[in-house]
Amino acid sequence: MWNWKTGGLALGLVFFLAVLLVKPIGVSTQFVILDGIVWDMVDPSVVTQTEDGKYTSTNAYLAKSGGKYAKNVANPLNYSFVFVIAMAIGAAVSAGLRGWVPPSERVMPPIWRANFGDSHMKRYIAAFVGGFIVLYGARLAGGCTSGHMMSGMMQTSLSGYLFALGAFGAAVPVALMMYRKEG
């Protein structure tokens, strides 16, 4: 198993290659696209193709950027959407290679146990809520952590550095408040 340094270098290399060979990585938009795909399956009038071959939507968000999101809803097998699916598959492969551990046998981090108890369900709910808040905030900001911080900083984007500053500026005090007891 890789240590964090080797994993960090490998992640950096993958991001560098993705930006160099294809385009910057960002994934939160693909959740919007997935929502649009499901919505379009229920109501096919959400995304339509215009006479000039472009796509548009009755939803202002999907219609923005010249119908770019509407086009991705109508044709989801594109680099970005496949990349997100591949991330989930890669996570499953990684878990399988490490040896799957049933939830009941997973070790609870001592600092979590000291502050919140032994409930695995409470930990899963907290992770889900935290992820939802980050994703919601990312969509409000027009990007995501991978797009702003990881790809953005790699491209020396000022918004990437500002996002990282804001993310850590909020995360550190919240963690200090939440984890007052040591594990």
Protein backbone atom coordinates (compact mmCIF):
# COMPACT_ATOMS: atom_id res chain seq x y z
CA MET A 1 0.00 0.00 0.00
CA TRP A 2 1.25 3.49 -0.83
CA ASN A 3 1.99 6.04 1.84
CA TRP A 4 0.52 9.53 1.57
CA LYS A 5 3.63 11.00 -0.05
CA THR A 6 3.69 8.47 -2.89
CA GLY A 7 -0.09 8.77 -3.32
CA GLY A 8 0.16 12.58 -3.40
CA LEU A 9 2.87 12.48 -6.05
CA ALA A 10 0.86 9.99 -8.13
CA LEU A 11 -2.26 12.17 -7.84
CA GLY A 12 -0.25 15.24 -8.87
CA LEU A 13 1.14 13.40 -11.89
CA VAL A 14 -2.33 12.25 -12.97
CA PHE A 15 -3.70 15.80 -12.63
CA PHE A 16 -0.75 17.21 -14.57
CA LEU A 17 -1.23 14.68 -17.38
CA ALA A 18 -4.98 15.32 -17.50
CA VAL A 19 -4.50 19.09 -17.75
CA LEU A 20 -1.69 18.70 -20.29
CA LEU A 21 -3.36 16.10 -22.51
CA VAL A 22 -7.09 16.79 -22.21
CA LYS A 23 -8.37 19.60 -20.01
CA PRO A 24 -8.49 20.71 -16.37
CA ILE A 25 -10.25 18.32 -14.02
CA GLY A 26 -13.50 19.35 -12.38
CA VAL A 27 -16.32 17.07 -11.36
CA SER A 28 -19.12 18.95 -9.60
CA THR A 29 -20.73 20.00 -12.89
CA GLN A 30 -21.21 16.33 -13.71
CA PHE A 31 -23.65 16.02 -10.79
CA VAL A 32 -25.73 18.72 -12.52
CA ILE A 33 -25.44 16.77 -15.78
CA LEU A 34 -26.54 13.56 -14.03
CA ASP A 35 -29.54 15.40 -12.56
CA GLY A 36 -30.34 16.67 -16.06
CA ILE A 37 -30.08 13.16 -17.53
CA VAL A 38 -32.53 11.79 -14.96
CA TRP A 39 -34.83 14.80 -15.42
CA ASP A 40 -34.71 14.42 -19.21
CA MET A 41 -35.66 10.73 -18.87
CA VAL A 42 -38.75 11.75 -16.88
CA ASP A 43 -39.57 14.81 -19.02
CA PRO A 44 -38.03 14.63 -22.52
CA SER A 45 -38.95 18.27 -23.22
CA VAL A 46 -36.26 19.52 -20.81
CA VAL A 47 -33.48 19.31 -23.41
CA THR A 48 -34.18 19.92 -27.08
CA GLN A 49 -32.10 20.23 -30.20
CA THR A 50 -32.50 23.42 -32.21
CA GLU A 51 -32.76 23.63 -36.00
CA ASP A 52 -29.07 24.52 -36.29
CA GLY A 53 -28.07 21.31 -34.47
CA LYS A 54 -27.28 22.95 -31.12
CA TYR A 55 -28.93 22.06 -27.84
CA THR A 56 -30.96 24.13 -25.42
CA SER A 57 -33.12 23.58 -22.37
CA THR A 58 -36.18 24.95 -20.65
CA ASN A 59 -33.92 25.10 -17.58
CA ALA A 60 -31.82 28.29 -17.60
CA TYR A 61 -28.82 26.57 -15.98
CA LEU A 62 -28.70 23.78 -18.58
CA ALA A 63 -29.22 26.31 -21.39
CA LYS A 64 -26.34 28.58 -20.32
CA SER A 65 -22.97 28.63 -22.07
CA GLY A 66 -24.61 28.29 -25.45
CA GLY A 67 -26.38 25.07 -24.46
CA LYS A 68 -23.15 23.31 -23.44
CA TYR A 69 -24.74 21.62 -20.42
CA ALA A 70 -27.88 20.74 -22.39
CA LYS A 71 -25.67 19.09 -25.01
CA ASN A 72 -23.90 17.08 -22.29
CA VAL A 73 -27.28 15.96 -20.91
CA ALA A 74 -28.36 14.83 -24.38
CA ASN A 75 -24.98 13.15 -25.06
CA PRO A 76 -23.52 12.12 -21.68
CA LEU A 77 -20.73 9.90 -23.03
CA ASN A 78 -18.15 12.68 -22.98
CA TYR A 79 -14.77 12.95 -21.27
CA SER A 80 -15.99 14.68 -18.11
CA PHE A 81 -18.94 12.39 -17.42
CA VAL A 82 -16.97 9.21 -18.17
CA PHE A 83 -14.18 10.54 -15.91
CA VAL A 84 -16.60 10.79 -12.96
CA ILE A 85 -17.91 7.26 -13.58
CA ALA A 86 -14.30 6.03 -13.83
CA MET A 87 -13.54 7.66 -10.45
CA ALA A 88 -16.29 5.58 -8.80
CA ILE A 89 -15.07 2.43 -10.54
CA GLY A 90 -11.48 3.22 -9.53
CA ALA A 91 -12.54 3.64 -5.90
CA ALA A 92 -14.26 0.24 -6.00
CA VAL A 93 -11.19 -1.38 -7.58
CA SER A 94 -8.97 0.23 -4.94
CA ALA A 95 -11.20 -1.06 -2.13
CA GLY A 96 -11.14 -4.51 -3.71
CA LEU A 97 -7.34 -4.52 -4.03
CA ARG A 98 -6.97 -3.46 -0.38
CA GLY A 99 -9.36 -6.17 0.69
CA TRP A 100 -12.97 -5.22 1.35
CA VAL A 101 -13.72 -4.64 5.02
CA PRO A 102 -17.39 -4.84 6.06
CA PRO A 103 -18.66 -1.64 7.75
CA SER A 104 -19.12 -3.46 11.06
CA GLU A 105 -15.40 -4.37 11.14
CA ARG A 106 -13.98 -0.97 10.15
CA VAL A 107 -11.81 0.72 12.74
CA MET A 108 -13.30 3.91 14.11
CA PRO A 109 -10.65 6.68 14.32
CA PRO A 110 -9.94 7.38 18.00
CA ILE A 111 -10.48 11.14 17.63
CA TRP A 112 -13.95 10.53 16.13
CA ARG A 113 -14.82 8.07 18.90
CA ALA A 114 -13.70 10.51 21.61
CA ASN A 115 -15.86 13.31 20.22
CA PHE A 116 -18.89 11.56 18.72
CA GLY A 117 -19.03 7.94 19.93
CA ASP A 118 -18.91 4.58 18.15
CA SER A 119 -21.83 4.95 15.73
CA HIS A 120 -20.80 4.11 12.17
CA MET A 121 -24.13 5.49 10.95
CA LYS A 122 -23.46 8.86 12.62
CA ARG A 123 -20.08 8.97 10.89
CA TYR A 124 -21.60 8.13 7.47
CA ILE A 125 -24.29 10.78 7.92
CA ALA A 126 -21.70 13.38 8.94
CA ALA A 127 -19.57 12.53 5.88
CA PHE A 128 -22.61 12.75 3.60
CA VAL A 129 -23.78 16.08 5.05
CA GLY A 130 -20.26 17.52 4.89
CA GLY A 131 -19.89 16.39 1.28
CA PHE A 132 -23.29 17.84 0.40
CA ILE A 133 -22.36 21.22 1.93
CA VAL A 134 -19.06 21.30 0.03
CA LEU A 135 -20.75 20.33 -3.25
CA TYR A 136 -23.55 22.89 -2.75
CA GLY A 137 -21.03 25.62 -1.99
CA ALA A 138 -18.91 24.60 -4.95
CA ARG A 139 -21.86 24.86 -7.32
CA LEU A 140 -22.73 28.28 -5.89
CA ALA A 141 -19.13 29.34 -6.61
CA GLY A 142 -19.30 27.96 -10.14
CA GLY A 143 -16.76 25.20 -9.65
CA CYS A 144 -15.57 22.50 -7.31
CA THR A 145 -12.65 21.67 -5.07
CA SER A 146 -10.87 19.70 -7.77
CA GLY A 147 -11.49 22.37 -10.39
CA HIS A 148 -10.64 25.37 -8.23
CA MET A 149 -8.00 24.07 -5.86
CA MET A 150 -6.22 21.19 -7.56
CA SER A 151 -6.46 22.05 -11.26
CA GLY A 152 -6.68 25.79 -10.60
CA MET A 153 -3.57 25.96 -8.45
CA MET A 154 -1.67 23.78 -10.92
CA GLN A 155 -2.48 26.36 -13.59
CA THR A 156 -1.46 29.17 -11.19
CA SER A 157 -4.99 30.54 -11.23
CA LEU A 158 -5.60 33.28 -8.65
CA SER A 159 -9.10 31.91 -8.00
CA GLY A 160 -7.54 28.52 -7.18
CA TYR A 161 -5.28 30.03 -4.54
CA LEU A 162 -8.11 32.15 -3.11
CA PHE A 163 -10.38 29.10 -2.95
CA ALA A 164 -7.69 27.07 -1.15
CA LEU A 165 -7.16 29.90 1.31
CA GLY A 166 -10.89 30.12 1.98
CA ALA A 167 -11.34 26.34 2.22
CA PHE A 168 -8.54 25.86 4.73
CA GLY A 169 -9.41 29.12 6.49
CA ALA A 170 -12.85 27.67 7.20
CA ALA A 171 -11.88 24.00 7.66
CA VAL A 172 -9.20 24.44 10.32
CA PRO A 173 -11.32 26.41 12.84
CA VAL A 174 -14.33 24.12 12.26
CA ALA A 175 -12.17 21.03 12.85
CA LEU A 176 -10.72 22.58 16.01
CA MET A 177 -14.25 23.25 17.29
CA MET A 178 -15.60 19.82 16.34
CA TYR A 179 -12.68 17.77 17.61
CA ARG A 180 -12.00 19.35 21.01
CA LYS A 181 -11.34 16.02 22.70
CA GLU A 182 -8.20 14.15 21.67
CA GLY A 183 -8.45 10.52 20.62
